[in-house]
N, C-alpha and C. Protein backbone atom coordinates (compact mmCIF):
# COMPACT_ATOMS: atom_id res chain seq x y z
N MET A 1 -30.77 14.93 -4.93
CA MET A 1 -30.20 13.67 -5.36
C MET A 1 -30.17 12.74 -4.13
N PRO A 2 -30.60 11.48 -4.30
CA PRO A 2 -30.56 10.54 -3.17
C PRO A 2 -29.13 10.30 -2.70
N GLN A 3 -28.97 10.08 -1.42
CA GLN A 3 -27.66 9.85 -0.82
C GLN A 3 -27.48 8.37 -0.51
N SER A 4 -26.25 7.90 -0.55
CA SER A 4 -25.89 6.53 -0.17
C SER A 4 -24.75 6.60 0.81
N THR A 5 -24.53 5.51 1.52
CA THR A 5 -23.47 5.44 2.51
C THR A 5 -22.43 4.42 2.08
N ILE A 6 -21.17 4.78 2.24
CA ILE A 6 -20.06 3.85 2.05
C ILE A 6 -19.45 3.62 3.41
N SER A 7 -19.25 2.37 3.76
CA SER A 7 -18.64 2.03 5.04
C SER A 7 -17.34 1.28 4.78
N ALA A 8 -16.27 1.70 5.44
CA ALA A 8 -14.97 1.04 5.25
C ALA A 8 -14.28 0.94 6.60
N ARG A 9 -13.61 -0.16 6.82
CA ARG A 9 -12.83 -0.34 8.04
C ARG A 9 -11.40 0.14 7.79
N ILE A 10 -10.91 0.98 8.71
CA ILE A 10 -9.54 1.46 8.62
C ILE A 10 -8.91 1.42 10.00
N ASP A 11 -7.60 1.45 10.04
CA ASP A 11 -6.87 1.46 11.29
C ASP A 11 -7.26 2.70 12.10
N SER A 12 -7.45 2.54 13.40
CA SER A 12 -7.88 3.64 14.27
C SER A 12 -6.93 4.82 14.23
N GLU A 13 -5.62 4.54 14.22
CA GLU A 13 -4.64 5.63 14.16
C GLU A 13 -4.69 6.36 12.82
N ASP A 14 -4.92 5.62 11.74
CA ASP A 14 -5.05 6.25 10.42
C ASP A 14 -6.28 7.17 10.40
N LYS A 15 -7.38 6.72 11.00
CA LYS A 15 -8.59 7.56 11.05
C LYS A 15 -8.33 8.85 11.83
N LYS A 16 -7.67 8.72 12.97
CA LYS A 16 -7.36 9.91 13.77
C LYS A 16 -6.50 10.89 12.96
N ALA A 17 -5.47 10.36 12.28
CA ALA A 17 -4.58 11.21 11.49
C ALA A 17 -5.33 11.86 10.32
N PHE A 18 -6.21 11.09 9.66
CA PHE A 18 -7.00 11.62 8.54
C PHE A 18 -7.96 12.70 9.02
N ASP A 19 -8.67 12.43 10.11
CA ASP A 19 -9.59 13.42 10.68
C ASP A 19 -8.84 14.70 11.07
N SER A 20 -7.65 14.53 11.65
CA SER A 20 -6.85 15.69 12.05
C SER A 20 -6.43 16.51 10.83
N PHE A 21 -5.98 15.82 9.77
CA PHE A 21 -5.59 16.52 8.55
C PHE A 21 -6.79 17.29 7.98
N CYS A 22 -7.92 16.61 7.87
CA CYS A 22 -9.11 17.26 7.31
C CYS A 22 -9.49 18.48 8.13
N ASN A 23 -9.44 18.36 9.45
CA ASN A 23 -9.75 19.49 10.33
C ASN A 23 -8.78 20.64 10.08
N ASP A 24 -7.49 20.31 9.92
CA ASP A 24 -6.47 21.33 9.69
C ASP A 24 -6.69 22.11 8.40
N VAL A 25 -7.23 21.44 7.37
CA VAL A 25 -7.45 22.13 6.09
C VAL A 25 -8.88 22.64 5.96
N GLY A 26 -9.69 22.45 7.02
CA GLY A 26 -11.02 23.04 7.06
C GLY A 26 -12.12 22.31 6.34
N ILE A 27 -11.96 21.00 6.17
CA ILE A 27 -13.05 20.21 5.57
C ILE A 27 -13.33 19.00 6.45
N SER A 28 -14.51 18.43 6.28
CA SER A 28 -14.85 17.22 7.02
C SER A 28 -14.25 16.00 6.33
N SER A 29 -14.13 14.93 7.06
CA SER A 29 -13.65 13.67 6.48
C SER A 29 -14.58 13.24 5.34
N SER A 30 -15.87 13.40 5.55
CA SER A 30 -16.85 13.04 4.53
C SER A 30 -16.64 13.86 3.26
N SER A 31 -16.38 15.16 3.40
CA SER A 31 -16.12 16.00 2.23
C SER A 31 -14.85 15.57 1.50
N ALA A 32 -13.82 15.22 2.25
CA ALA A 32 -12.56 14.77 1.63
C ALA A 32 -12.78 13.49 0.83
N ILE A 33 -13.54 12.57 1.39
CA ILE A 33 -13.83 11.32 0.69
C ILE A 33 -14.66 11.60 -0.56
N ASN A 34 -15.63 12.51 -0.45
CA ASN A 34 -16.43 12.88 -1.62
C ASN A 34 -15.58 13.53 -2.70
N LEU A 35 -14.60 14.36 -2.31
CA LEU A 35 -13.68 14.95 -3.29
C LEU A 35 -12.91 13.87 -4.03
N PHE A 36 -12.43 12.87 -3.28
CA PHE A 36 -11.72 11.74 -3.89
C PHE A 36 -12.61 11.02 -4.90
N ILE A 37 -13.83 10.71 -4.49
CA ILE A 37 -14.76 9.97 -5.36
C ILE A 37 -15.06 10.77 -6.63
N LYS A 38 -15.35 12.06 -6.48
CA LYS A 38 -15.65 12.91 -7.65
C LYS A 38 -14.45 12.97 -8.59
N ASN A 39 -13.24 13.04 -8.04
CA ASN A 39 -12.03 13.08 -8.86
C ASN A 39 -11.86 11.78 -9.64
N VAL A 40 -12.10 10.64 -8.98
CA VAL A 40 -12.01 9.34 -9.66
C VAL A 40 -13.01 9.28 -10.81
N ILE A 41 -14.24 9.68 -10.54
CA ILE A 41 -15.29 9.63 -11.57
C ILE A 41 -14.96 10.57 -12.73
N ARG A 42 -14.54 11.80 -12.41
CA ARG A 42 -14.26 12.80 -13.45
C ARG A 42 -13.12 12.37 -14.36
N ASN A 43 -12.05 11.83 -13.78
CA ASN A 43 -10.84 11.51 -14.55
C ASN A 43 -10.70 10.04 -14.91
N ASN A 44 -11.61 9.23 -14.38
CA ASN A 44 -11.60 7.79 -14.63
C ASN A 44 -10.25 7.16 -14.26
N GLU A 45 -9.70 7.62 -13.13
CA GLU A 45 -8.45 7.07 -12.62
C GLU A 45 -8.29 7.44 -11.15
N ILE A 46 -7.46 6.69 -10.45
CA ILE A 46 -7.11 7.03 -9.08
C ILE A 46 -6.22 8.27 -9.14
N PRO A 47 -6.49 9.30 -8.31
CA PRO A 47 -5.75 10.56 -8.44
C PRO A 47 -4.37 10.58 -7.80
N PHE A 48 -3.75 9.44 -7.69
CA PHE A 48 -2.37 9.38 -7.20
C PHE A 48 -1.76 8.09 -7.72
N LYS A 49 -0.45 8.05 -7.73
CA LYS A 49 0.26 6.90 -8.26
C LYS A 49 0.21 5.74 -7.26
N ILE A 50 -0.13 4.57 -7.75
CA ILE A 50 -0.15 3.37 -6.92
C ILE A 50 1.03 2.51 -7.38
N VAL A 51 1.93 2.21 -6.46
CA VAL A 51 3.15 1.48 -6.79
C VAL A 51 3.13 0.14 -6.08
N GLY A 52 3.44 -0.90 -6.81
CA GLY A 52 3.51 -2.22 -6.22
C GLY A 52 4.78 -2.41 -5.41
N ASP A 53 4.76 -3.39 -4.55
CA ASP A 53 5.91 -3.74 -3.73
C ASP A 53 7.03 -4.25 -4.65
N PRO A 54 8.22 -3.62 -4.64
CA PRO A 54 9.30 -4.05 -5.54
C PRO A 54 9.75 -5.48 -5.28
N PHE A 55 9.44 -6.03 -4.11
CA PHE A 55 9.79 -7.42 -3.83
C PHE A 55 9.15 -8.34 -4.86
N HIS A 56 7.95 -8.01 -5.32
CA HIS A 56 7.21 -8.88 -6.24
C HIS A 56 7.44 -8.53 -7.71
N SER A 57 8.45 -7.72 -7.99
CA SER A 57 8.74 -7.37 -9.38
C SER A 57 9.21 -8.61 -10.14
N LYS A 58 9.06 -8.59 -11.46
CA LYS A 58 9.47 -9.72 -12.29
C LYS A 58 10.96 -10.01 -12.12
N SER A 59 11.76 -8.96 -12.08
CA SER A 59 13.21 -9.18 -11.98
C SER A 59 13.59 -9.81 -10.63
N ASN A 60 12.93 -9.39 -9.55
CA ASN A 60 13.25 -9.97 -8.25
C ASN A 60 12.75 -11.40 -8.15
N MET A 61 11.57 -11.68 -8.72
CA MET A 61 11.05 -13.05 -8.70
C MET A 61 11.98 -13.98 -9.49
N LYS A 62 12.50 -13.49 -10.61
CA LYS A 62 13.44 -14.28 -11.41
C LYS A 62 14.70 -14.56 -10.59
N PHE A 63 15.23 -13.53 -9.93
CA PHE A 63 16.41 -13.66 -9.09
C PHE A 63 16.18 -14.69 -7.98
N LEU A 64 15.04 -14.62 -7.32
CA LEU A 64 14.73 -15.56 -6.24
C LEU A 64 14.60 -16.98 -6.75
N LYS A 65 13.92 -17.16 -7.87
CA LYS A 65 13.75 -18.50 -8.45
C LYS A 65 15.09 -19.11 -8.84
N GLU A 66 15.97 -18.28 -9.42
CA GLU A 66 17.31 -18.77 -9.79
C GLU A 66 18.10 -19.16 -8.54
N GLY A 67 17.97 -18.37 -7.48
CA GLY A 67 18.65 -18.69 -6.23
C GLY A 67 18.13 -19.98 -5.62
N ILE A 68 16.84 -20.17 -5.64
CA ILE A 68 16.24 -21.40 -5.11
C ILE A 68 16.70 -22.60 -5.93
N GLN A 69 16.74 -22.43 -7.24
CA GLN A 69 17.19 -23.52 -8.11
C GLN A 69 18.65 -23.88 -7.79
N SER A 70 19.48 -22.86 -7.61
CA SER A 70 20.89 -23.11 -7.27
C SER A 70 21.00 -23.85 -5.94
N LEU A 71 20.23 -23.43 -4.96
CA LEU A 71 20.24 -24.11 -3.66
C LEU A 71 19.79 -25.56 -3.79
N ASN A 72 18.73 -25.78 -4.57
CA ASN A 72 18.22 -27.14 -4.76
C ASN A 72 19.23 -28.03 -5.49
N GLU A 73 20.10 -27.42 -6.28
CA GLU A 73 21.14 -28.17 -6.99
C GLU A 73 22.41 -28.31 -6.16
N GLY A 74 22.36 -27.87 -4.92
CA GLY A 74 23.51 -28.00 -4.03
C GLY A 74 24.60 -26.99 -4.27
N LYS A 75 24.30 -25.89 -4.94
CA LYS A 75 25.32 -24.89 -5.26
C LYS A 75 25.39 -23.76 -4.24
N GLY A 76 24.56 -23.83 -3.22
CA GLY A 76 24.53 -22.75 -2.24
C GLY A 76 25.48 -23.01 -1.08
N VAL A 77 25.70 -21.97 -0.29
CA VAL A 77 26.52 -22.06 0.92
C VAL A 77 25.64 -21.67 2.10
N GLN A 78 25.58 -22.54 3.10
CA GLN A 78 24.76 -22.25 4.27
C GLN A 78 25.53 -21.39 5.26
N HIS A 79 24.90 -20.36 5.76
CA HIS A 79 25.50 -19.45 6.72
C HIS A 79 24.68 -19.45 8.00
N GLU A 80 25.32 -19.12 9.11
CA GLU A 80 24.59 -18.97 10.36
C GLU A 80 23.77 -17.69 10.29
N LEU A 81 22.66 -17.68 11.00
CA LEU A 81 21.82 -16.50 11.06
C LEU A 81 22.50 -15.43 11.88
N ILE A 82 22.57 -14.24 11.33
CA ILE A 82 23.18 -13.11 12.04
C ILE A 82 22.04 -12.22 12.51
N GLU A 83 21.95 -12.03 13.82
CA GLU A 83 20.90 -11.17 14.37
C GLU A 83 21.52 -9.86 14.82
N GLU A 84 20.86 -8.76 14.48
CA GLU A 84 21.34 -7.44 14.86
C GLU A 84 20.89 -7.13 16.27
N ASP A 85 21.73 -6.42 17.00
CA ASP A 85 21.33 -5.96 18.34
C ASP A 85 20.32 -4.83 18.17
N GLU A 86 19.28 -4.87 18.96
CA GLU A 86 18.26 -3.82 18.84
C GLU A 86 18.52 -2.68 19.77
């Protein structure tokens, strides 16, 4: 079967950690990626749960819009910025 190449840019530290994991379990990075691809094709889905950032949830967006509306109507209270010591 003819072979093709997939090229992807990833963070250098992520690559090191991924290569280390693959080495620890006795497979190459290429084999691990091929396992992922075959699993996606076989099951027609990503083999893990993908969760969106809760900040962008409908309920939080509604809350933020209501807060902005209240501020625009002069119903808000301005506070000084509190910075935490690091």
